[in-house]
């Protein structure tokens, strides 16, 4: 307890942050797990502290959640409030019933900095752009991921590759990445084409309703974000949220990568008009965001979860499980335990489970709001056949929506001709 209590409201550089995380883990070894998912260009560890009743490994039925901050090295508020979130969680466990249930039913991963080199390189903190935004190689990490809409020719950086591998190796369900320079919750898609973009300049995902709910959950639990007043540039955001593409187009962003290739719903949280504010403002930023950070984590328990098994009860990995009417361009599949997690708002849905080589199974599921119970509604699928264990399936890193756009363009002339023939027959 004394180690966590020693955290003060100031900026913690790399060695101080590392010492703090190691101190928390030493003080709470059964509640936390500390590990590095890789190294930055300059060789700094990319630390992740995992919190939960089962911190060292995935437990069937318990969803995985993550917060990532300081992706742009000069955007610093998220880095510090995540350290205070860790402090709050470990000191509240078994004292606060809500936090206790949250940690007993959720595995929470916290990465205070994805770009430690950029943070250390920001020698003169200010509210606007600095070179510390980029990593040591001068690359913007939030333009560095594979893109589903166009070829991203950027060279994948060590920090980006580490996060991509991390996403691949965990069953993340929900996430947020913390930025600065505005005050808004931004959601997928950040990029788009004719398949997704509406006439209003809005790039809509199949789960747009869920993303709007997630963004509003944060903005309305934040001290002022939902007012949508914006910053000095006069730009306003109704209810404190925005579709990423509607705000500005972004290629190679992390939130789109999470959603398409990671089966993880992620939003981007812009937490401060000033990118690197004075230290004496950090305590207020923590107070402003504290409730929102907790309420957002609870949303990992939205929707439906379960397992897909064969007639002998063996889990079937790589089965496709999706809600009818909202297919993903890279189909959502079960993990090695045969588990699936689908974030859905309360309502009635038809869930389709498909195992390669076997028949599909359709089930109508009534989904309540179970976030207060810290568990999504559970629905398992059991196939009467025995499944042959299929190989791990991965979507190509090609621009998937680009292919859909080309297919759509090819179909349109044929449809026009068919329409003309129909009209002539009617006449």
Protein backbone atom coordinates (compact mmCIF):
# COMPACT_ATOMS: atom_id res chain seq x y z
CA UNK A 1 0.00 0.00 0.00
CA UNK A 2 2.81 2.41 0.83
CA UNK A 3 4.34 1.92 -2.61
CA UNK A 4 1.10 2.83 -4.42
CA UNK A 5 0.43 5.70 -2.04
CA UNK A 6 3.79 7.23 -3.00
CA UNK A 7 2.46 8.16 -6.47
CA UNK A 8 2.24 11.92 -6.78
CA UNK A 9 0.87 14.27 -9.43
CA UNK A 10 3.95 14.90 -11.53
CA UNK A 11 5.43 13.58 -14.74
CA UNK A 12 7.18 10.26 -14.31
CA UNK A 13 10.04 9.62 -16.69
CA UNK A 14 11.00 6.17 -17.85
CA UNK A 15 13.04 4.99 -14.86
CA UNK A 16 10.52 6.43 -12.36
CA UNK A 17 7.59 4.84 -14.16
CA UNK A 18 9.34 1.48 -14.32
CA UNK A 19 10.18 1.63 -10.62
CA UNK A 20 6.57 2.51 -9.78
CA UNK A 21 5.14 -0.38 -11.81
CA UNK A 22 7.60 -2.83 -10.27
CA UNK A 23 6.73 -1.49 -6.82
CA UNK A 24 3.00 -1.99 -7.39
CA UNK A 25 3.56 -5.53 -8.61
CA UNK A 26 5.76 -6.30 -5.58
CA UNK A 27 3.07 -4.92 -3.25
CA UNK A 28 0.19 -6.74 -5.00
CA UNK A 29 1.70 -9.91 -6.53
CA UNK A 30 -1.57 -11.90 -6.59
CA UNK A 31 -3.57 -9.07 -8.20
CA UNK A 32 -1.05 -7.88 -10.80
CA UNK A 33 1.27 -9.18 -13.48
CA UNK A 34 3.99 -6.96 -14.96
CA UNK A 35 5.61 -7.74 -18.29
CA UNK A 36 7.19 -6.04 -21.28
CA UNK A 37 5.59 -6.71 -24.68
CA UNK A 38 8.67 -5.48 -26.56
CA UNK A 39 11.15 -2.64 -26.83
CA UNK A 40 11.23 0.78 -28.43
CA UNK A 41 13.74 1.82 -31.09
CA UNK A 42 16.09 3.06 -28.34
CA UNK A 43 15.64 -0.15 -26.35
CA UNK A 44 13.18 0.99 -23.67
CA UNK A 45 10.73 -1.62 -22.41
CA UNK A 46 7.06 -1.32 -23.39
CA UNK A 47 5.61 -2.15 -19.99
CA UNK A 48 2.13 -3.54 -19.43
CA UNK A 49 0.62 -4.05 -15.98
CA UNK A 50 -2.19 -6.61 -15.93
CA UNK A 51 -4.75 -6.45 -13.12
CA UNK A 52 -7.41 -8.96 -12.13
CA UNK A 53 -8.21 -12.04 -10.08
CA UNK A 54 -6.25 -14.09 -12.63
CA UNK A 55 -3.60 -11.63 -13.82
CA UNK A 56 -1.08 -14.05 -15.33
CA UNK A 57 -3.30 -15.84 -17.85
CA UNK A 58 -6.59 -15.79 -19.71
CA UNK A 59 -9.48 -17.43 -17.87
CA UNK A 60 -12.41 -18.80 -19.89
CA UNK A 61 -15.39 -16.45 -19.71
CA UNK A 62 -13.41 -13.47 -18.40
CA UNK A 63 -12.99 -10.78 -21.09
CA UNK A 64 -9.72 -8.98 -21.77
CA UNK A 65 -9.63 -5.16 -21.69
CA UNK A 66 -6.79 -2.72 -22.42
CA UNK A 67 -5.84 0.95 -22.11
CA UNK A 68 -2.88 2.30 -24.12
CA UNK A 69 -1.50 5.83 -23.64
CA UNK A 70 1.30 8.11 -24.86
CA UNK A 71 1.30 6.68 -28.39
CA UNK A 72 2.32 10.18 -29.41
CA UNK A 73 5.21 10.95 -27.07
CA UNK A 74 4.28 14.60 -26.55
CA UNK A 75 0.67 13.80 -25.56
CA UNK A 76 1.21 13.11 -21.91
CA UNK A 77 -1.98 13.33 -19.85
CA UNK A 78 -3.04 9.73 -20.58
CA UNK A 79 0.34 8.41 -19.45
CA UNK A 80 -0.06 9.91 -15.99
CA UNK A 81 -3.77 9.22 -15.43
CA UNK A 82 -3.20 5.53 -16.23
CA UNK A 83 -0.64 5.39 -13.44
CA UNK A 84 -3.25 6.90 -11.11
CA UNK A 85 -5.85 4.44 -12.41
CA UNK A 86 -3.52 1.60 -11.41
CA UNK A 87 -3.13 3.21 -7.97
CA UNK A 88 -6.91 3.50 -7.59
CA UNK A 89 -7.64 -0.07 -8.68
CA UNK A 90 -5.12 -1.82 -6.45
CA UNK A 91 -5.93 0.25 -3.36
CA UNK A 92 -9.72 -0.14 -3.87
CA UNK A 93 -9.69 -3.91 -4.34
CA UNK A 94 -11.54 -5.64 -1.47
CA UNK A 95 -12.46 -2.20 -0.10
CA UNK A 96 -14.80 -0.98 -2.83
CA UNK A 97 -17.40 -3.63 -3.88
CA UNK A 98 -17.72 -2.27 -7.44
CA UNK A 99 -13.97 -2.30 -8.10
CA UNK A 100 -13.67 -5.71 -6.45
CA UNK A 101 -16.33 -7.19 -8.76
CA UNK A 102 -14.79 -5.43 -11.75
CA UNK A 103 -11.35 -6.95 -11.09
CA UNK A 104 -12.80 -10.37 -10.26
CA UNK A 105 -14.61 -10.50 -13.60
CA UNK A 106 -12.28 -8.60 -15.97
CA UNK A 107 -8.63 -8.90 -16.92
CA UNK A 108 -7.39 -5.33 -17.36
CA UNK A 109 -4.17 -4.54 -19.26
CA UNK A 110 -2.66 -1.07 -18.83
CA UNK A 111 0.18 0.27 -21.01
CA UNK A 112 1.08 3.77 -19.75
CA UNK A 113 3.37 4.51 -22.70
CA UNK A 114 3.60 3.07 -26.20
CA UNK A 115 6.20 5.67 -27.23
CA UNK A 116 8.68 6.11 -24.36
CA UNK A 117 11.37 7.44 -26.73
CA UNK A 118 9.10 10.24 -27.92
CA UNK A 119 8.22 11.21 -24.35
CA UNK A 120 11.87 11.37 -23.31
CA UNK A 121 12.71 13.39 -26.46
CA UNK A 122 10.19 16.12 -25.61
CA UNK A 123 12.61 18.43 -23.83
CA UNK A 124 10.47 21.58 -23.88
CA UNK A 125 6.86 20.67 -23.03
CA UNK A 126 4.17 22.81 -24.64
CA UNK A 127 0.55 22.61 -25.77
CA UNK A 128 1.21 22.10 -29.45
CA UNK A 129 3.10 19.84 -31.82
CA UNK A 130 6.70 18.80 -31.04
CA UNK A 131 9.02 16.23 -32.61
CA UNK A 132 8.38 14.07 -29.57
CA UNK A 133 5.10 13.07 -31.22
CA UNK A 134 7.06 10.56 -33.32
CA UNK A 135 9.19 7.60 -32.33
CA UNK A 136 12.99 7.67 -32.59
CA UNK A 137 12.80 6.83 -36.32
CA UNK A 138 10.56 9.84 -36.94
CA UNK A 139 7.46 7.72 -37.56
CA UNK A 140 3.93 8.52 -36.38
CA UNK A 141 2.82 5.31 -34.66
CA UNK A 142 -0.84 6.12 -35.26
CA UNK A 143 -0.23 6.04 -39.03
CA UNK A 144 1.86 2.88 -38.89
CA UNK A 145 -0.62 -0.03 -38.80
CA UNK A 146 -1.97 -2.03 -41.76
CA UNK A 147 -4.98 -0.25 -43.25
CA UNK A 148 -8.18 -1.91 -44.47
CA UNK A 149 -8.91 0.74 -47.11
CA UNK A 150 -5.61 1.48 -48.86
CA UNK A 151 -2.03 0.26 -48.98
CA UNK A 152 -0.02 1.66 -46.09
CA UNK A 153 3.58 1.79 -47.26
CA UNK A 154 5.00 2.92 -43.89
CA UNK A 155 7.70 0.67 -42.46
CA UNK A 156 6.30 -1.15 -39.41
CA UNK A 157 8.07 0.14 -36.31
CA UNK A 158 9.22 -1.98 -33.32
CA UNK A 159 6.58 -0.36 -31.08
CA UNK A 160 3.83 -1.05 -33.64
CA UNK A 161 4.94 -4.65 -34.20
CA UNK A 162 4.99 -5.26 -30.44
CA UNK A 163 1.39 -4.03 -30.12
CA UNK A 164 0.26 -6.06 -33.16
CA UNK A 165 1.79 -9.22 -31.64
CA UNK A 166 0.20 -8.41 -28.27
CA UNK A 167 -3.23 -8.06 -29.88
CA UNK A 168 -2.73 -11.35 -31.74
CA UNK A 169 -1.75 -13.22 -28.57
CA UNK A 170 -4.63 -12.03 -26.35
CA UNK A 171 -8.42 -12.16 -26.73
CA UNK A 172 -9.00 -8.43 -26.35
CA UNK A 173 -12.66 -7.42 -26.47
CA UNK A 174 -12.57 -3.69 -25.70
CA UNK A 175 -9.87 -1.03 -25.66
CA UNK A 176 -9.16 2.69 -25.70
CA UNK A 177 -6.06 4.62 -26.66
CA UNK A 178 -5.45 7.91 -24.87
CA UNK A 179 -4.29 11.02 -26.76
CA UNK A 180 -4.22 14.80 -26.32
CA UNK A 181 -4.76 17.96 -28.33
CA UNK A 182 -8.58 17.96 -28.24
CA UNK A 183 -11.43 16.94 -25.94
CA UNK A 184 -13.50 14.26 -27.65
CA UNK A 185 -14.14 10.51 -27.92
CA UNK A 186 -13.49 9.42 -31.51
CA UNK A 187 -14.57 6.08 -32.96
CA UNK A 188 -14.11 3.80 -36.01
CA UNK A 189 -13.72 4.14 -38.92
CA UNK A 190 -10.81 6.58 -39.23
CA UNK A 191 -10.48 5.79 -42.92
CA UNK A 192 -13.03 4.79 -45.54
CA UNK A 193 -14.11 4.38 -49.16
CA UNK A 194 -17.33 4.11 -51.16
CA UNK A 195 -18.26 0.93 -49.27
CA UNK A 196 -18.40 2.70 -45.90
CA UNK A 197 -18.62 6.46 -46.48
CA UNK A 198 -22.05 8.10 -46.49
CA UNK A 199 -22.98 11.28 -48.36
CA UNK A 200 -22.43 13.18 -45.07
CA UNK A 201 -18.75 12.18 -45.01
CA UNK A 202 -19.21 9.58 -42.27
CA UNK A 203 -17.39 6.23 -42.44
CA UNK A 204 -19.75 3.72 -40.85
CA UNK A 205 -18.70 0.37 -39.42
CA UNK A 206 -21.07 -2.62 -39.07
CA UNK A 207 -21.16 -1.91 -35.31
CA UNK A 208 -21.70 1.84 -35.52
CA UNK A 209 -24.43 1.78 -32.84
CA UNK A 210 -22.10 0.08 -30.37
CA UNK A 211 -19.28 2.53 -31.08
CA UNK A 212 -21.57 5.52 -30.53
CA UNK A 213 -22.64 3.99 -27.21
CA UNK A 214 -19.02 3.40 -26.17
CA UNK A 215 -17.97 6.95 -27.06
CA UNK A 216 -20.96 8.42 -25.19
CA UNK A 217 -20.24 6.23 -22.17
CA UNK A 218 -16.89 7.98 -21.84
CA UNK A 219 -17.98 11.50 -22.76
CA UNK A 220 -21.01 11.56 -20.44
CA UNK A 221 -19.05 10.18 -17.48
CA UNK A 222 -16.25 12.71 -18.05
CA UNK A 223 -16.45 16.00 -16.16
CA UNK A 224 -16.97 18.13 -19.29
CA UNK A 225 -16.39 16.19 -22.54
CA UNK A 226 -20.10 15.72 -23.33
CA UNK A 227 -20.59 19.51 -23.48
CA UNK A 228 -18.76 19.37 -26.81
CA UNK A 229 -17.29 22.83 -26.48
CA UNK A 230 -14.01 21.90 -28.17
CA UNK A 231 -10.74 23.79 -27.82
CA UNK A 232 -9.20 27.07 -29.04
CA UNK A 233 -9.80 26.29 -32.72
CA UNK A 234 -13.55 26.69 -32.18
CA UNK A 235 -14.39 23.19 -33.43
CA UNK A 236 -17.30 21.64 -31.54
CA UNK A 237 -18.26 18.00 -31.07
CA UNK A 238 -21.96 17.39 -30.26
CA UNK A 239 -22.17 15.27 -27.10
CA UNK A 240 -18.37 15.11 -27.04
CA UNK A 241 -18.07 12.35 -29.67
CA UNK A 242 -17.12 12.07 -33.33
CA UNK A 243 -16.75 9.52 -36.08
CA UNK A 244 -13.02 9.46 -36.84
CA UNK A 245 -13.37 9.96 -40.60
CA UNK A 246 -15.88 12.79 -40.10
CA UNK A 247 -13.25 14.61 -38.04
CA UNK A 248 -10.32 13.95 -40.37
CA UNK A 249 -9.21 11.03 -42.52
CA UNK A 250 -6.43 8.92 -41.06
CA UNK A 251 -4.57 6.04 -42.71
CA UNK A 252 -2.91 3.27 -40.69
CA UNK A 253 -4.61 4.06 -37.37
CA UNK A 254 -4.55 1.76 -34.36
CA UNK A 255 -8.28 1.79 -33.59
CA UNK A 256 -9.27 0.53 -37.06
CA UNK A 257 -6.57 -2.18 -36.85
CA UNK A 258 -7.93 -3.36 -33.50
CA UNK A 259 -11.48 -3.59 -34.81
CA UNK A 260 -10.69 -5.32 -38.12
CA UNK A 261 -7.74 -7.58 -37.34
CA UNK A 262 -7.91 -7.82 -33.54
CA UNK A 263 -11.68 -8.41 -33.04
CA UNK A 264 -11.38 -5.67 -30.43
CA UNK A 265 -13.54 -2.55 -30.28
CA UNK A 266 -11.27 0.44 -29.64
CA UNK A 267 -12.00 4.16 -29.43
CA UNK A 268 -9.57 7.09 -29.30
CA UNK A 269 -9.86 9.42 -26.31
CA UNK A 270 -8.55 12.95 -26.73
CA UNK A 271 -8.26 14.11 -23.11
CA UNK A 272 -6.73 17.59 -23.10
CA UNK A 273 -6.66 20.64 -25.34
CA UNK A 274 -3.04 21.09 -24.32
CA UNK A 275 -0.87 18.16 -25.39
CA UNK A 276 1.71 18.49 -22.58
CA UNK A 277 0.13 20.61 -19.82
CA UNK A 278 1.89 21.84 -16.65
CA UNK A 279 2.21 19.33 -13.80
CA UNK A 280 -0.05 21.33 -11.51
CA UNK A 281 -3.01 20.46 -13.78
CA UNK A 282 -2.54 16.68 -13.59
CA UNK A 283 -4.64 16.18 -10.45
CA UNK A 284 -7.63 17.89 -12.11
CA UNK A 285 -7.22 15.74 -15.22
CA UNK A 286 -7.34 12.65 -13.01
CA UNK A 287 -10.51 13.84 -11.26
CA UNK A 288 -12.14 14.73 -14.59
CA UNK A 289 -11.47 11.28 -16.07
CA UNK A 290 -11.67 8.91 -13.10
CA UNK A 291 -15.37 7.95 -13.34
CA UNK A 292 -15.25 7.73 -17.15
CA UNK A 293 -12.24 5.38 -17.09
CA UNK A 294 -14.08 2.96 -14.77
CA UNK A 295 -17.45 3.13 -16.56
CA UNK A 296 -15.79 2.51 -19.89
CA UNK A 297 -14.08 -0.67 -18.62
CA UNK A 298 -17.50 -2.01 -17.55
CA UNK A 299 -18.65 -1.94 -21.20
CA UNK A 300 -16.46 -4.98 -21.90
CA UNK A 301 -19.40 -6.92 -20.42
CA UNK A 302 -21.88 -5.76 -23.06
CA UNK A 303 -23.50 -8.24 -25.41
CA UNK A 304 -23.03 -12.00 -25.60
CA UNK A 305 -20.23 -14.48 -25.00
CA UNK A 306 -19.85 -18.25 -25.00
CA UNK A 307 -18.05 -21.29 -26.32
CA UNK A 308 -18.36 -23.38 -29.45
CA UNK A 309 -17.80 -27.11 -28.83
CA UNK A 310 -18.21 -30.43 -30.64
CA UNK A 311 -20.34 -33.37 -29.45
CA UNK A 312 -17.60 -34.49 -27.06
CA UNK A 313 -17.39 -31.06 -25.44
CA UNK A 314 -14.07 -30.24 -27.08
CA UNK A 315 -13.62 -26.53 -27.90
CA UNK A 316 -13.67 -25.60 -31.59
CA UNK A 317 -11.21 -22.82 -32.41
CA UNK A 318 -11.56 -20.68 -35.56
CA UNK A 319 -15.34 -21.06 -35.74
CA UNK A 320 -16.96 -17.91 -37.15
CA UNK A 321 -19.46 -16.38 -34.71
CA UNK A 322 -21.20 -13.15 -35.72
CA UNK A 323 -24.55 -11.42 -35.30
CA UNK A 324 -26.71 -11.65 -38.40
CA UNK A 325 -26.81 -8.40 -40.34
CA UNK A 326 -23.44 -7.12 -39.12
CA UNK A 327 -20.72 -9.21 -40.82
CA UNK A 328 -17.13 -8.11 -40.37
CA UNK A 329 -14.85 -7.80 -43.37
CA UNK A 330 -12.47 -10.07 -41.46
CA UNK A 331 -14.89 -12.58 -39.83
CA UNK A 332 -14.79 -12.80 -36.02
CA UNK A 333 -13.60 -16.24 -34.93
CA UNK A 334 -13.35 -18.24 -31.72
CA UNK A 335 -10.04 -18.41 -29.86
CA UNK A 336 -8.12 -21.57 -28.92
CA UNK A 337 -10.66 -22.26 -26.16
CA UNK A 338 -13.57 -22.05 -28.60
CA UNK A 339 -14.60 -18.74 -27.02
CA UNK A 340 -16.30 -15.79 -28.66
CA UNK A 341 -17.20 -12.33 -27.36
CA UNK A 342 -19.57 -10.03 -29.28
CA UNK A 343 -20.22 -6.50 -28.05
CA UNK A 344 -23.91 -5.76 -28.77
CA UNK A 345 -26.42 -3.31 -27.35
CA UNK A 346 -29.49 -4.72 -25.55
CA UNK A 347 -31.98 -6.25 -28.00
CA UNK A 348 -32.84 -9.41 -29.93
CA UNK A 349 -30.21 -10.82 -32.29
CA UNK A 350 -29.71 -13.89 -34.45
CA UNK A 351 -26.25 -15.28 -33.74
CA UNK A 352 -24.68 -17.37 -36.50
CA UNK A 353 -22.00 -19.92 -35.59
CA UNK A 354 -20.19 -21.51 -38.56
CA UNK A 355 -17.60 -24.27 -38.35
CA UNK A 356 -15.65 -24.99 -41.57
CA UNK A 357 -16.82 -28.34 -42.94
CA UNK A 358 -19.90 -28.47 -40.70
CA UNK A 359 -23.30 -26.81 -40.90
CA UNK A 360 -24.01 -23.35 -39.56
CA UNK A 361 -26.06 -22.91 -36.42
CA UNK A 362 -28.48 -19.98 -35.95
CA UNK A 363 -29.77 -19.03 -32.52
CA UNK A 364 -32.02 -16.12 -31.54
CA UNK A 365 -30.64 -14.51 -28.40
CA UNK A 366 -32.26 -11.87 -26.21
CA UNK A 367 -29.49 -9.62 -24.87
CA UNK A 368 -30.13 -7.52 -21.75
CA UNK A 369 -27.84 -4.81 -20.36
CA UNK A 370 -25.61 -6.95 -18.19
CA UNK A 371 -22.77 -4.49 -17.60
CA UNK A 372 -23.99 -3.97 -14.01
CA UNK A 373 -23.65 -7.71 -13.43
CA UNK A 374 -20.09 -7.73 -14.82
CA UNK A 375 -20.90 -10.53 -17.25
CA UNK A 376 -22.26 -10.54 -20.79
CA UNK A 377 -25.17 -12.94 -21.36
CA UNK A 378 -23.80 -16.44 -22.00
CA UNK A 379 -24.79 -18.59 -24.97
CA UNK A 380 -22.87 -21.70 -26.04
CA UNK A 381 -23.02 -23.57 -29.35
CA UNK A 382 -22.62 -27.37 -29.40
CA UNK A 383 -22.23 -29.12 -32.76
CA UNK A 384 -23.40 -32.72 -32.99
CA UNK A 385 -20.42 -33.70 -35.13
CA UNK A 386 -16.79 -34.05 -34.10
CA UNK A 387 -14.70 -31.18 -35.38
CA UNK A 388 -11.33 -31.73 -36.99
CA UNK A 389 -9.05 -29.15 -35.41
CA UNK A 390 -8.52 -26.54 -38.09
CA UNK A 391 -5.45 -24.40 -38.53
CA UNK A 392 -5.32 -20.90 -37.13
CA UNK A 393 -6.94 -18.53 -39.59
CA UNK A 394 -5.61 -15.04 -40.11
CA UNK A 395 -6.95 -12.34 -42.39
CA UNK A 396 -4.54 -10.96 -44.98
CA UNK A 397 -3.08 -7.56 -44.22
CA UNK A 398 -4.30 -6.40 -47.66
CA UNK A 399 -6.72 -3.44 -47.85
CA UNK A 400 -9.86 -5.58 -47.42
CA UNK A 401 -12.39 -2.80 -48.05
CA UNK A 402 -10.51 -1.91 -51.24
CA UNK A 403 -11.39 -5.35 -52.60
CA UNK A 404 -15.05 -4.84 -51.69
CA UNK A 405 -15.03 -1.48 -53.45
CA UNK A 406 -13.60 -3.04 -56.63
CA UNK A 407 -16.15 -5.87 -56.50
CA UNK A 408 -18.95 -3.37 -56.01
CA UNK A 409 -17.78 -1.29 -58.98
CA UNK A 410 -17.66 -4.42 -61.18
CA UNK A 411 -21.21 -5.42 -60.24
CA UNK A 412 -22.79 -2.01 -60.90
CA UNK A 413 -22.68 -2.13 -64.77
CA UNK A 414 -24.26 -5.60 -64.75
CA UNK A 415 -27.01 -4.35 -62.43
CA UNK A 416 -27.70 -1.39 -64.73
CA UNK A 417 -28.10 -3.72 -67.74
CA UNK A 418 -30.33 -6.06 -65.74
CA UNK A 419 -32.45 -3.08 -64.70
CA UNK A 420 -32.89 -1.95 -68.34
CA UNK A 421 -33.93 -5.46 -69.44
CA UNK A 422 -36.47 -5.63 -66.61
CA UNK A 423 -37.96 -2.26 -67.60
CA UNK A 424 -38.23 -3.36 -71.26
CA UNK A 425 -39.95 -6.62 -70.29
CA UNK A 426 -42.43 -4.72 -68.11
CA UNK A 427 -43.20 -2.34 -71.02
